[in-house]
Amino acid sequence: SLAIEAFSSGPENGLAFISALRVGRALRPLRMIARFTGMRLVVNCLLQAMPSVVNLLLVMFLAWLVFAILGVQLFKGALYSCTDPSVNLRALCVGTWSPDPSGPPEPRRWVNSPFSFDHVGEAMLTLYVVATLEGWLDIMWRCVDSQDADTGPVPNASLNTAVPYFLAFICVSSFFLLSLFTGVIYDKFYELQQQMLGTSALTTEQRHWLAVQFATLRRHPGTSAAAAVQASGSRLRRRAYEVVRSQTYLAFVLAASVVNALALALVNHQASVESNRALTNVARACGLVFLCTLAFQLAALRWRAFIADPWNRFDLALVVVNVAEAAQMWV
């Protein structure tokens, strides 16, 4: 009885999470990864390159740690300044001052820069901002004008140390290590591409010949799945398999996935009720399309072959969420 009460209590109570789970339908374009060789190759490349990427990230962390320790030695406590620009010593940064002659006075405060090198953790965060190359010039010039912990900024006081420090860090982090990262990904991508094609030990001419053979096979596929369907003797199953394997079907499913994701993304609080209702109806229509495509796949592959594919299990889970959400709306 508790389950029935929760199911019939509306989205405000027990099954409200189902409405949130329908956002998972926006992940449906990921289903196309299993269909397109290029996308599957990229995903496999990223996954198999993770050990090398982790080693590279460790090297990058050690390089950043060296620069962070050096930055602490050079600039710790040196990026403070008084809120009154006319005061340059910490001992004199007391009392009040008026930033606006017609306004009320404000107390002077000895404040730190938003990004500093007071300790290693703060230095690592500052170096991360510098590595993004967004606003790093402001940080560098603040360090160029720095002196010591009790003195405010003086133009070009640390020019000979700050400029070489930041230029060296950018060359090492943003150029050299980034190039290594790109090289690791490219090397793994090329290796997987050759393994997928089985051409790692072939010459260029042999690879061209093999590409022609692959193109011929794509025009006349003879996969084991197709052979199993033909051996089944079921006309309906053969027809469903032809539909599921066709490029038109794949393009249709991809278009429905994109439309479904857009419909979910365009729903917002400030839109009119009619607009949100129309977008919701579009998403439900896409859910009906997905249910039909699931039926086609089950008719073509049968349950055991269908459930063996992890992407099909993912597809089935999304359809179950759609059905549960639709059932909630009608209870």
Protein backbone atom coordinates (compact mmCIF):
# COMPACT_ATOMS: atom_id res chain seq x y z
CA SER A 1 0.00 0.00 0.00
CA LEU A 2 2.88 2.33 0.67
CA ALA A 3 4.21 1.78 -2.86
CA ILE A 4 0.77 2.45 -4.37
CA GLU A 5 0.37 5.60 -2.26
CA ALA A 6 3.82 6.83 -3.32
CA PHE A 7 3.07 6.09 -6.97
CA SER A 8 -0.26 7.96 -6.89
CA SER A 9 0.86 10.92 -4.78
CA GLY A 10 2.11 12.95 -7.75
CA PRO A 11 5.50 14.44 -8.52
CA GLU A 12 5.70 16.20 -5.18
CA ASN A 13 6.28 12.99 -3.20
CA GLY A 14 7.43 9.42 -3.73
CA LEU A 15 8.06 9.29 -7.47
CA ALA A 16 9.20 12.84 -8.02
CA PHE A 17 12.63 11.43 -8.80
CA ILE A 18 11.22 9.93 -12.03
CA SER A 19 10.68 13.40 -13.46
CA ALA A 20 14.31 14.16 -12.70
CA LEU A 21 15.44 10.88 -14.25
CA ARG A 22 13.93 11.85 -17.60
CA VAL A 23 16.84 14.27 -17.96
CA GLY A 24 18.83 11.10 -18.64
CA ARG A 25 17.15 11.01 -22.03
CA ALA A 26 19.44 13.85 -23.01
CA LEU A 27 22.25 11.27 -22.84
CA ARG A 28 20.70 9.31 -25.70
CA PRO A 29 23.02 10.85 -28.35
CA LEU A 30 25.77 8.88 -26.61
CA ARG A 31 24.03 5.78 -27.97
CA MET A 32 25.38 6.72 -31.39
CA ILE A 33 28.93 6.07 -30.17
CA ALA A 34 28.31 2.35 -30.58
CA ARG A 35 27.17 2.88 -34.17
CA PHE A 36 29.85 5.19 -35.56
CA THR A 37 33.38 3.82 -35.77
CA GLY A 38 35.03 7.23 -35.55
CA MET A 39 33.23 8.19 -32.33
CA ARG A 40 33.94 4.79 -30.79
CA LEU A 41 37.61 5.16 -31.71
CA VAL A 42 37.82 8.55 -29.97
CA VAL A 43 36.17 7.25 -26.79
CA ASN A 44 38.40 4.18 -26.69
CA CYS A 45 41.41 6.41 -27.28
CA LEU A 46 40.56 8.60 -24.29
CA LEU A 47 39.94 5.59 -22.06
CA GLN A 48 43.09 3.69 -23.02
CA ALA A 49 45.23 6.82 -22.85
CA MET A 50 44.28 7.42 -19.20
CA PRO A 51 47.34 5.65 -17.70
CA SER A 52 49.70 7.73 -19.83
CA VAL A 53 47.67 10.86 -19.09
CA VAL A 54 47.87 10.15 -15.35
CA ASN A 55 51.67 9.87 -15.58
CA LEU A 56 51.79 13.12 -17.53
CA LEU A 57 49.54 14.83 -14.98
CA LEU A 58 51.90 13.65 -12.24
CA VAL A 59 54.84 15.21 -14.10
CA MET A 60 52.81 18.39 -14.55
CA PHE A 61 51.96 18.45 -10.84
CA LEU A 62 55.62 18.11 -9.89
CA ALA A 63 56.58 20.92 -12.29
CA TRP A 64 53.85 23.14 -10.84
CA LEU A 65 54.97 22.25 -7.33
CA VAL A 66 58.52 23.39 -8.11
CA PHE A 67 57.23 26.71 -9.48
CA ALA A 68 54.83 27.07 -6.54
CA ILE A 69 57.64 26.64 -4.00
CA LEU A 70 59.77 29.11 -5.93
CA GLY A 71 56.85 31.55 -6.07
CA VAL A 72 56.36 31.31 -2.31
CA GLN A 73 60.05 32.09 -1.78
CA LEU A 74 59.86 35.10 -4.10
CA PHE A 75 56.44 36.65 -3.46
CA LYS A 76 55.03 35.41 -0.14
CA GLY A 77 53.33 38.27 1.69
CA ALA A 78 54.51 40.73 -0.95
CA LEU A 79 51.20 41.26 -2.73
CA TYR A 80 49.49 43.16 0.07
CA SER A 81 48.52 46.79 -0.30
CA CYS A 82 46.59 49.45 1.56
CA THR A 83 43.10 50.39 0.48
CA ASP A 84 44.34 53.99 0.51
CA PRO A 85 46.59 54.29 -2.58
CA SER A 86 48.49 57.17 -0.99
CA VAL A 87 49.77 54.91 1.81
CA ASN A 88 52.55 52.47 0.92
CA LEU A 89 53.62 51.12 4.33
CA ARG A 90 51.72 48.70 6.52
CA ALA A 91 52.57 50.67 9.65
CA LEU A 92 50.89 53.76 8.19
CA CYS A 93 47.79 51.94 6.94
CA VAL A 94 45.69 52.96 9.93
CA GLY A 95 42.93 55.42 10.59
CA THR A 96 40.38 56.47 8.01
CA TRP A 97 40.38 58.00 4.56
CA SER A 98 37.79 59.26 2.08
CA PRO A 99 37.83 57.70 -1.41
CA ASP A 100 35.11 60.22 -2.32
CA PRO A 101 35.56 63.75 -0.95
CA SER A 102 31.82 64.12 -0.58
CA GLY A 103 31.32 60.69 0.95
CA PRO A 104 31.84 59.32 4.46
CA PRO A 105 35.35 58.25 5.54
CA GLU A 106 36.33 54.58 5.42
CA PRO A 107 38.88 52.69 7.56
CA ARG A 108 42.20 51.90 5.95
CA ARG A 109 42.81 48.18 5.54
CA TRP A 110 45.92 46.20 4.60
CA VAL A 111 44.48 43.69 2.11
CA ASN A 112 45.94 40.89 0.03
CA SER A 113 45.68 40.38 -3.72
CA PRO A 114 42.95 37.95 -4.89
CA PHE A 115 45.73 35.65 -6.16
CA SER A 116 48.89 35.40 -4.10
CA PHE A 117 51.85 33.20 -3.21
CA ASP A 118 51.48 33.20 0.58
CA HIS A 119 51.62 29.40 0.77
CA VAL A 120 51.97 26.48 -1.61
CA GLY A 121 48.24 25.86 -1.93
CA GLU A 122 47.54 29.49 -2.82
CA ALA A 123 50.50 29.47 -5.17
CA MET A 124 49.18 26.37 -6.98
CA LEU A 125 45.82 28.08 -7.46
CA THR A 126 47.51 31.21 -8.79
CA LEU A 127 49.63 29.16 -11.18
CA TYR A 128 46.50 27.39 -12.41
CA VAL A 129 44.99 30.77 -13.31
CA VAL A 130 48.23 31.78 -15.02
CA ALA A 131 48.31 28.50 -16.97
CA THR A 132 44.88 29.26 -18.46
CA LEU A 133 46.41 32.45 -19.96
CA GLU A 134 43.34 34.41 -18.81
CA GLY A 135 44.25 37.46 -16.78
CA TRP A 136 47.80 36.26 -16.15
CA LEU A 137 49.27 39.66 -17.10
CA ASP A 138 47.49 41.33 -14.17
CA ILE A 139 49.01 38.79 -11.77
CA MET A 140 52.46 39.15 -13.31
CA TRP A 141 52.45 42.96 -13.13
CA ARG A 142 51.25 42.79 -9.53
CA CYS A 143 54.28 40.63 -8.77
CA VAL A 144 56.52 42.97 -10.79
CA ASP A 145 55.51 45.83 -8.46
CA SER A 146 55.86 43.78 -5.26
CA GLN A 147 58.55 44.38 -2.63
CA ASP A 148 58.17 42.77 0.80
CA ALA A 149 55.48 41.88 3.33
CA ASP A 150 55.31 45.34 4.95
CA THR A 151 55.57 47.51 1.83
CA GLY A 152 52.98 48.19 -0.82
CA PRO A 153 53.54 47.97 -4.58
CA VAL A 154 56.29 50.06 -6.18
CA PRO A 155 56.50 50.16 -9.99
CA ASN A 156 59.01 47.64 -11.39
CA ALA A 157 60.42 46.81 -7.96
CA SER A 158 60.77 43.08 -8.83
CA LEU A 159 61.00 43.31 -12.60
CA ASN A 160 64.13 41.17 -12.89
CA THR A 161 62.61 38.24 -10.97
CA ALA A 162 58.89 38.31 -11.74
CA VAL A 163 59.05 38.50 -15.53
CA PRO A 164 61.51 35.57 -15.99
CA TYR A 165 59.53 33.54 -13.44
CA PHE A 166 56.20 33.90 -15.21
CA LEU A 167 57.62 33.52 -18.71
CA ALA A 168 59.43 30.33 -17.69
CA PHE A 169 56.29 28.91 -16.12
CA ILE A 170 54.16 29.66 -19.19
CA CYS A 171 56.73 28.08 -21.51
CA VAL A 172 56.92 24.93 -19.40
CA SER A 173 53.25 24.57 -18.47
CA SER A 174 51.20 26.04 -21.30
CA PHE A 175 53.47 25.11 -24.20
CA PHE A 176 55.78 22.20 -23.39
CA LEU A 177 53.53 20.09 -21.13
CA LEU A 178 50.45 20.83 -23.22
CA SER A 179 52.32 19.64 -26.31
CA LEU A 180 53.24 16.45 -24.47
CA PHE A 181 49.61 15.92 -23.51
CA THR A 182 48.50 16.36 -27.12
CA GLY A 183 51.25 14.02 -28.30
CA VAL A 184 50.16 11.27 -25.87
CA ILE A 185 46.55 11.46 -27.07
CA TYR A 186 47.57 11.50 -30.74
CA ASP A 187 49.96 8.58 -30.32
CA LYS A 188 47.28 6.46 -28.64
CA PHE A 189 44.72 7.47 -31.28
CA TYR A 190 47.05 6.43 -34.10
CA GLU A 191 47.89 3.15 -32.35
CA LEU A 192 44.22 2.25 -31.86
CA GLN A 193 43.41 3.23 -35.42
CA GLN A 194 46.08 0.88 -36.74
CA GLN A 195 44.93 -1.91 -34.42
CA MET A 196 41.33 -1.46 -35.49
CA LEU A 197 42.30 -1.67 -39.14
CA GLY A 198 44.92 -4.36 -38.52
CA THR A 199 47.50 -2.40 -40.51
CA SER A 200 50.21 -1.69 -37.96
CA ALA A 201 52.76 -3.88 -39.82
CA LEU A 202 51.72 -3.00 -43.38
CA THR A 203 53.30 -0.66 -45.88
CA THR A 204 51.48 2.37 -47.29
CA GLU A 205 50.57 0.53 -50.52
CA GLN A 206 49.22 -2.43 -48.56
CA ARG A 207 47.10 -0.11 -46.42
CA HIS A 208 45.61 1.50 -49.52
CA TRP A 209 44.74 -1.94 -50.93
CA LEU A 210 43.16 -2.96 -47.62
CA ALA A 211 41.10 0.25 -47.55
CA VAL A 212 39.64 -0.67 -50.94
CA GLN A 213 38.72 -4.12 -49.62
CA PHE A 214 37.01 -2.62 -46.58
CA ALA A 215 35.03 -0.27 -48.83
CA THR A 216 33.87 -3.29 -50.87
CA LEU A 217 32.83 -5.18 -47.74
CA ARG A 218 30.84 -2.20 -46.47
CA ARG A 219 28.82 -2.28 -49.67
CA HIS A 220 28.15 -6.01 -49.28
CA PRO A 221 28.15 -6.77 -45.54
CA GLY A 222 28.12 -10.38 -44.43
CA THR A 223 28.32 -10.22 -40.67
CA SER A 224 27.60 -13.10 -38.37
CA ALA A 225 24.55 -11.27 -37.02
CA ALA A 226 23.13 -10.99 -40.51
CA ALA A 227 23.81 -14.68 -41.10
CA ALA A 228 21.98 -15.57 -37.89
CA VAL A 229 18.99 -13.51 -38.97
CA GLN A 230 18.94 -15.17 -42.37
CA ALA A 231 19.15 -18.61 -40.75
CA SER A 232 16.20 -17.86 -38.50
CA GLY A 233 13.81 -18.06 -41.46
CA SER A 234 11.65 -15.25 -40.05
CA ARG A 235 10.70 -12.69 -42.67
CA LEU A 236 9.69 -10.16 -40.03
CA ARG A 237 13.02 -10.51 -38.24
CA ARG A 238 14.98 -10.11 -41.49
CA ARG A 239 13.04 -6.97 -42.33
CA ALA A 240 13.51 -5.54 -38.82
CA TYR A 241 17.24 -6.28 -39.00
CA GLU A 242 17.52 -4.50 -42.34
CA VAL A 243 15.78 -1.47 -40.89
CA VAL A 244 17.94 -1.39 -37.75
CA ARG A 245 21.19 -1.68 -39.74
CA SER A 246 20.28 0.94 -42.35
CA GLN A 247 21.94 4.36 -42.37
CA THR A 248 18.51 5.98 -42.67
CA TYR A 249 17.45 4.38 -39.38
CA LEU A 250 20.61 5.55 -37.63
CA ALA A 251 20.16 9.09 -38.94
CA PHE A 252 16.52 9.08 -37.83
CA VAL A 253 17.37 7.91 -34.30
CA LEU A 254 20.15 10.49 -34.05
CA ALA A 255 17.81 13.27 -35.20
CA ALA A 256 15.19 12.19 -32.65
CA SER A 257 17.85 12.15 -29.93
CA VAL A 258 18.96 15.68 -30.79
CA VAL A 259 15.35 16.93 -30.89
CA ASN A 260 14.67 15.29 -27.52
CA ALA A 261 17.77 16.88 -25.95
CA LEU A 262 16.83 20.31 -27.34
CA ALA A 263 13.26 19.98 -26.07
CA LEU A 264 14.53 19.20 -22.58
CA ALA A 265 17.12 21.99 -22.72
CA LEU A 266 14.69 24.72 -23.83
CA VAL A 267 12.27 24.21 -20.93
CA ASN A 268 12.78 27.09 -18.47
CA HIS A 269 11.03 28.81 -15.62
CA GLN A 270 10.43 32.13 -17.39
CA ALA A 271 8.83 30.62 -20.49
CA SER A 272 5.06 30.53 -20.89
CA VAL A 273 3.05 27.53 -19.76
CA GLU A 274 2.04 26.78 -23.36
CA SER A 275 5.66 26.84 -24.53
CA ASN A 276 6.85 24.47 -21.80
CA ARG A 277 3.86 22.20 -22.43
CA ALA A 278 4.67 22.06 -26.15
CA LEU A 279 8.31 21.21 -25.43
CA THR A 280 7.21 18.53 -22.98
CA ASN A 281 4.91 17.02 -25.60
CA VAL A 282 7.79 16.99 -28.08
CA ALA A 283 9.94 15.14 -25.56
CA ARG A 284 7.14 12.62 -24.98
CA ALA A 285 6.76 12.12 -28.71
CA CYS A 286 10.47 11.41 -28.91
CA GLY A 287 10.01 8.93 -26.07
CA LEU A 288 7.39 7.13 -28.15
CA VAL A 289 9.82 7.06 -31.08
CA PHE A 290 12.50 5.56 -28.82
CA LEU A 291 10.05 2.91 -27.65
CA CYS A 292 9.35 1.95 -31.26
CA THR A 293 13.06 1.78 -32.07
CA LEU A 294 13.56 -0.46 -29.04
CA ALA A 295 10.83 -2.76 -30.34
CA PHE A 296 12.54 -2.89 -33.74
CA GLN A 297 15.85 -3.82 -32.13
CA LEU A 298 14.24 -6.55 -30.02
CA ALA A 299 12.46 -7.94 -33.08
CA ALA A 300 15.72 -8.00 -35.02
CA LEU A 301 18.16 -9.28 -32.39
CA ARG A 302 15.98 -11.15 -29.90
CA TRP A 303 16.37 -10.64 -26.17
CA ARG A 304 19.62 -12.53 -25.51
CA ALA A 305 21.59 -10.84 -28.29
CA PHE A 306 20.02 -7.49 -27.48
CA ILE A 307 20.82 -7.49 -23.77
CA ALA A 308 24.41 -8.64 -24.38
CA ASP A 309 25.29 -5.19 -25.72
CA PRO A 310 25.91 -2.69 -22.86
CA TRP A 311 24.72 0.19 -25.04
CA ASN A 312 21.44 -1.66 -25.60
CA ARG A 313 21.07 -2.03 -21.84
CA PHE A 314 21.63 1.69 -21.51
CA ASP A 315 18.98 2.27 -24.19
CA LEU A 316 16.55 -0.03 -22.38
CA ALA A 317 17.08 1.78 -19.06
CA LEU A 318 16.24 5.13 -20.68
CA VAL A 319 13.08 3.73 -22.25
CA VAL A 320 12.03 2.26 -18.88
CA VAL A 321 12.48 5.71 -17.32
CA ASN A 322 10.32 7.21 -20.09
CA VAL A 323 7.58 4.66 -19.50
CA ALA A 324 7.70 5.15 -15.72
CA GLU A 325 7.50 8.93 -16.12
CA ALA A 326 4.55 8.62 -18.50
CA ALA A 327 2.80 6.21 -16.11
CA GLN A 328 3.28 8.69 -13.26
CA MET A 329 1.60 11.44 -15.28
CA TRP A 330 -1.47 9.27 -15.95
CA VAL A 331 -1.91 7.94 -12.39
